[in-house]
C-alpha atoms as a PDB file:
ATOM      1  CA  MET A   1     -12.304  -3.329  -5.411  1.00  0.00           C
ATOM      2  CA  THR A   2     -12.765  -5.194  -2.165  1.00  0.00           C
ATOM      3  CA  ARG A   3     -10.191  -7.506  -0.586  1.00  0.00           C
ATOM      4  CA  GLY A   4     -12.236 -10.514  -1.758  1.00  0.00           C
ATOM      5  CA  GLU A   5     -12.426  -9.186  -5.307  1.00  0.00           C
ATOM      6  CA  LEU A   6      -8.674  -8.582  -5.280  1.00  0.00           C
ATOM      7  CA  ILE A   7      -8.032 -12.155  -4.132  1.00  0.00           C
ATOM      8  CA  ASP A   8     -10.302 -13.519  -6.872  1.00  0.00           C
ATOM      9  CA  ASP A   9      -8.621 -11.334  -9.507  1.00  0.00           C
ATOM     10  CA  VAL A  10      -5.100 -12.345  -8.452  1.00  0.00           C
ATOM     11  CA  ALA A  11      -6.134 -16.009  -8.453  1.00  0.00           C
ATOM     12  CA  ALA A  12      -7.598 -15.720 -11.968  1.00  0.00           C
ATOM     13  CA  ARG A  13      -4.602 -13.825 -13.385  1.00  0.00           C
ATOM     14  CA  SER A  14      -1.934 -15.993 -11.774  1.00  0.00           C
ATOM     15  CA  GLY A  15      -3.421 -19.466 -11.941  1.00  0.00           C
ATOM     16  CA  LEU A  16      -3.127 -19.741  -8.153  1.00  0.00           C
ATOM     17  CA  SER A  17      -5.956 -21.197  -6.123  1.00  0.00           C
ATOM     18  CA  ARG A  18      -8.049 -18.668  -4.212  1.00  0.00           C
ATOM     19  CA  GLU A  19      -6.407 -19.824  -0.968  1.00  0.00           C
ATOM     20  CA  GLU A  20      -2.899 -19.407  -2.437  1.00  0.00           C
ATOM     21  CA  ALA A  21      -3.778 -15.951  -3.781  1.00  0.00           C
ATOM     22  CA  GLU A  22      -5.154 -14.957  -0.374  1.00  0.00           C
ATOM     23  CA  LYS A  23      -1.913 -16.074   1.325  1.00  0.00           C
ATOM     24  CA  ALA A  24       0.161 -14.128  -1.216  1.00  0.00           C
ATOM     25  CA  ILE A  25      -1.874 -10.937  -0.732  1.00  0.00           C
ATOM     26  CA  ASP A  26      -1.787 -11.307   3.056  1.00  0.00           C
ATOM     27  CA  ALA A  27       2.006 -11.749   2.922  1.00  0.00           C
ATOM     28  CA  LEU A  28       2.387  -8.661   0.708  1.00  0.00           C
ATOM     29  CA  VAL A  29       0.236  -6.481   2.978  1.00  0.00           C
ATOM     30  CA  GLU A  30       2.025  -7.771   6.078  1.00  0.00           C
ATOM     31  CA  SER A  31       5.437  -7.090   4.567  1.00  0.00           C
ATOM     32  CA  ILE A  32       4.486  -3.546   3.529  1.00  0.00           C
ATOM     33  CA  SER A  33       2.893  -2.830   6.933  1.00  0.00           C
ATOM     34  CA  GLU A  34       5.890  -4.093   8.897  1.00  0.00           C
ATOM     35  CA  THR A  35       8.328  -2.102   6.762  1.00  0.00           C
ATOM     36  CA  LEU A  36       6.293   1.094   7.215  1.00  0.00           C
ATOM     37  CA  SER A  37       5.980   0.526  10.974  1.00  0.00           C
ATOM     38  CA  ARG A  38       9.793   0.425  11.193  1.00  0.00           C
ATOM     39  CA  GLY A  39       9.981   3.736   9.313  1.00  0.00           C
ATOM     40  CA  GLY A  40      11.033   2.192   6.010  1.00  0.00           C
ATOM     41  CA  GLU A  41       9.713   2.746   2.499  1.00  0.00           C
ATOM     42  CA  VAL A  42       8.431   0.200  -0.008  1.00  0.00           C
ATOM     43  CA  ASP A  43       9.165   1.144  -3.630  1.00  0.00           C
ATOM     44  CA  ILE A  44       7.516  -1.095  -6.237  1.00  0.00           C
ATOM     45  CA  ALA A  45       8.835  -0.157  -9.702  1.00  0.00           C
ATOM     46  CA  GLY A  46       6.009   0.409 -12.160  1.00  0.00           C
ATOM     47  CA  PHE A  47       3.475   0.856  -9.353  1.00  0.00           C
ATOM     48  CA  GLY A  48       4.556   3.360  -6.711  1.00  0.00           C
ATOM     49  CA  LYS A  49       6.104   4.000  -3.328  1.00  0.00           C
ATOM     50  CA  PHE A  50       4.616   3.593   0.147  1.00  0.00           C
ATOM     51  CA  SER A  51       6.238   5.908   2.709  1.00  0.00           C
ATOM     52  CA  PRO A  52       5.627   6.472   6.397  1.00  0.00           C
ATOM     53  CA  SER A  53       4.192   9.880   7.270  1.00  0.00           C
ATOM     54  CA  GLU A  54       6.204  12.222   9.431  1.00  0.00           C
ATOM     55  CA  PRO A  55       4.739  12.597  12.919  1.00  0.00           C
ATOM     56  CA  SER A  56       3.387  15.972  13.915  1.00  0.00           C
ATOM     57  CA  ALA A  57       5.921  18.306  15.528  1.00  0.00           C
ATOM     58  CA  ALA A  58       3.340  19.594  18.022  1.00  0.00           C
ATOM     59  CA  PRO A  59       3.257  17.835  21.384  1.00  0.00           C
ATOM     60  CA  GLN A  60       0.017  15.988  21.915  1.00  0.00           C
ATOM     61  CA  MET A  61      -1.733  14.729  25.026  1.00  0.00           C
ATOM     62  CA  PRO A  62      -2.364  11.807  24.924  1.00  0.00           C
ATOM     63  CA  PRO A  63      -0.049  10.665  22.146  1.00  0.00           C
ATOM     64  CA  ALA A  64      -1.753  10.554  18.781  1.00  0.00           C
ATOM     65  CA  PRO A  65      -2.000   7.304  16.861  1.00  0.00           C
ATOM     66  CA  ALA A  66       0.646   6.679  14.212  1.00  0.00           C
ATOM     67  CA  PRO A  67       0.085   8.806  11.117  1.00  0.00           C
ATOM     68  CA  ALA A  68      -1.245   7.100   7.995  1.00  0.00           C
ATOM     69  CA  PRO A  69       1.294   6.143   5.334  1.00  0.00           C
ATOM     70  CA  THR A  70       1.358   7.911   1.986  1.00  0.00           C
ATOM     71  CA  PHE A  71       1.401   6.410  -1.495  1.00  0.00           C
ATOM     72  CA  SER A  72       3.084   8.088  -4.461  1.00  0.00           C
ATOM     73  CA  PRO A  73       2.293   6.526  -7.848  1.00  0.00           C
ATOM     74  CA  ASP A  74       5.265   5.726 -10.081  1.00  0.00           C
ATOM     75  CA  PRO A  75       5.317   8.419 -12.795  1.00  0.00           C
ATOM     76  CA  GLU A  76       6.236   5.712 -15.319  1.00  0.00           C
ATOM     77  CA  ALA A  77       3.180   3.599 -14.465  1.00  0.00           C
ATOM     78  CA  GLU A  78       0.784   4.201 -17.339  1.00  0.00           C
ATOM     79  CA  GLN A  79      -1.975   2.077 -15.798  1.00  0.00           C
ATOM     80  CA  LEU A  80      -2.153   4.450 -12.822  1.00  0.00           C
ATOM     81  CA  ASP A  81      -2.696   7.540 -14.978  1.00  0.00           C
ATOM     82  CA  SER A  82      -6.442   6.950 -15.031  1.00  0.00           C
ATOM     83  CA  LEU A  83      -6.785   6.896 -11.237  1.00  0.00           C
ATOM     84  CA  PRO A  84      -8.439   9.924  -9.641  1.00  0.00           C
ATOM     85  CA  GLY A  85      -5.964  12.302  -8.078  1.00  0.00           C
ATOM     86  CA  THR A  86      -2.318  12.353  -8.969  1.00  0.00           C
ATOM     87  CA  GLY A  87       0.731  12.627  -6.822  1.00  0.00           C
ATOM     88  CA  GLU A  88       0.841  11.679  -3.174  1.00  0.00           C
ATOM     89  CA  THR A  89      -2.186  10.078  -1.659  1.00  0.00           C
ATOM     90  CA  ASP A  90      -2.849   9.675   2.050  1.00  0.00           C
ATOM     91  CA  PHE A  91      -4.551   6.455   3.100  1.00  0.00           C
END
Protein backbone atom coordinates (compact mmCIF):
# COMPACT_ATOMS: atom_id res chain seq x y z
CA MET A 1 0.00 0.00 0.00
CA THR A 2 1.38 3.38 -0.95
CA ARG A 3 1.08 6.53 1.15
CA GLY A 4 -1.65 7.80 -1.20
CA GLU A 5 -3.58 4.54 -0.95
CA LEU A 6 -3.30 4.67 2.84
CA ILE A 7 -4.66 8.23 2.89
CA ASP A 8 -7.58 7.22 0.66
CA ASP A 9 -8.32 4.16 2.82
CA VAL A 10 -8.23 6.14 6.08
CA ALA A 11 -10.50 8.79 4.55
CA ALA A 12 -13.01 6.15 3.40
CA ARG A 13 -13.02 4.28 6.72
CA SER A 14 -13.20 7.36 8.94
CA GLY A 15 -15.46 9.69 7.00
CA LEU A 16 -12.69 12.30 6.97
CA SER A 17 -11.93 14.25 3.83
CA ARG A 18 -8.80 13.17 1.98
CA GLU A 19 -7.04 16.33 3.20
CA GLU A 20 -8.03 15.64 6.83
CA ALA A 21 -6.89 12.02 6.54
CA GLU A 22 -3.57 13.16 5.07
CA LYS A 23 -3.05 15.58 7.99
CA ALA A 24 -3.87 12.82 10.50
CA ILE A 25 -1.44 10.36 8.90
CA ASP A 26 1.28 13.02 8.66
CA ALA A 27 0.78 13.86 12.35
CA LEU A 28 0.98 10.17 13.32
CA VAL A 29 4.18 9.58 11.33
CA GLU A 30 5.73 12.77 12.69
CA SER A 31 4.88 11.83 16.27
CA ILE A 32 6.31 8.32 15.90
CA SER A 33 9.46 9.65 14.18
CA GLU A 34 10.11 12.30 16.82
CA THR A 35 9.62 9.82 19.66
CA LEU A 36 12.04 7.33 18.06
CA SER A 37 14.62 10.06 17.40
CA ARG A 38 14.61 10.86 21.13
CA GLY A 39 15.21 7.18 21.92
CA GLY A 40 11.64 6.47 22.98
CA GLU A 41 9.29 3.66 22.01
CA VAL A 42 5.78 3.85 20.57
CA ASP A 43 3.53 0.99 21.69
CA ILE A 44 0.14 0.83 19.94
CA ALA A 45 -2.01 -1.84 21.63
CA GLY A 46 -3.48 -4.24 19.10
CA PHE A 47 -0.94 -3.23 16.45
CA GLY A 48 2.65 -3.34 17.68
CA LYS A 49 5.64 -1.49 19.05
CA PHE A 50 8.14 0.76 17.27
CA SER A 51 11.54 0.83 19.01
CA PRO A 52 14.78 2.60 18.21
CA SER A 53 17.64 0.30 17.21
CA GLU A 54 20.73 0.16 19.36
CA PRO A 55 23.73 1.82 17.71
CA SER A 56 26.66 -0.36 16.78
CA ALA A 57 29.30 -0.76 19.49
CA ALA A 58 32.13 -0.59 16.94
CA PRO A 59 33.65 2.84 16.36
CA GLN A 60 33.01 4.09 12.87
CA MET A 61 34.70 6.72 10.74
CA PRO A 62 32.81 8.80 9.71
CA PRO A 63 29.86 8.30 12.04
CA ALA A 64 27.22 6.03 10.59
CA PRO A 65 23.69 7.29 10.03
CA ALA A 66 21.16 6.53 12.75
CA PRO A 67 20.09 2.89 12.72
CA ALA A 68 16.63 2.05 11.40
CA PRO A 69 13.88 1.52 13.97
CA THR A 70 12.38 -1.91 14.52
CA PHE A 71 8.73 -2.92 14.61
CA SER A 72 7.41 -5.79 16.72
CA PRO A 73 3.82 -6.83 15.97
CA ASP A 74 1.49 -7.14 18.95
CA PRO A 75 1.06 -10.89 19.58
CA GLU A 76 -2.63 -10.24 20.29
CA ALA A 77 -3.20 -8.56 16.92
CA GLU A 78 -4.99 -11.18 14.85
CA GLN A 79 -5.03 -9.02 11.71
CA LEU A 80 -1.22 -9.02 11.65
CA ASP A 81 -0.95 -12.81 11.70
CA SER A 82 -1.24 -12.97 7.92
CA LEU A 83 1.69 -10.62 7.30
CA PRO A 84 4.88 -12.21 5.97
CA GLY A 85 7.51 -12.68 8.63
CA THR A 86 6.73 -12.71 12.31
CA GLY A 87 8.48 -11.11 15.20
CA GLU A 88 10.73 -8.09 14.91
CA THR A 89 11.00 -6.39 11.59
CA ASP A 90 13.66 -3.88 10.61
CA PHE A 91 12.52 -1.01 8.40
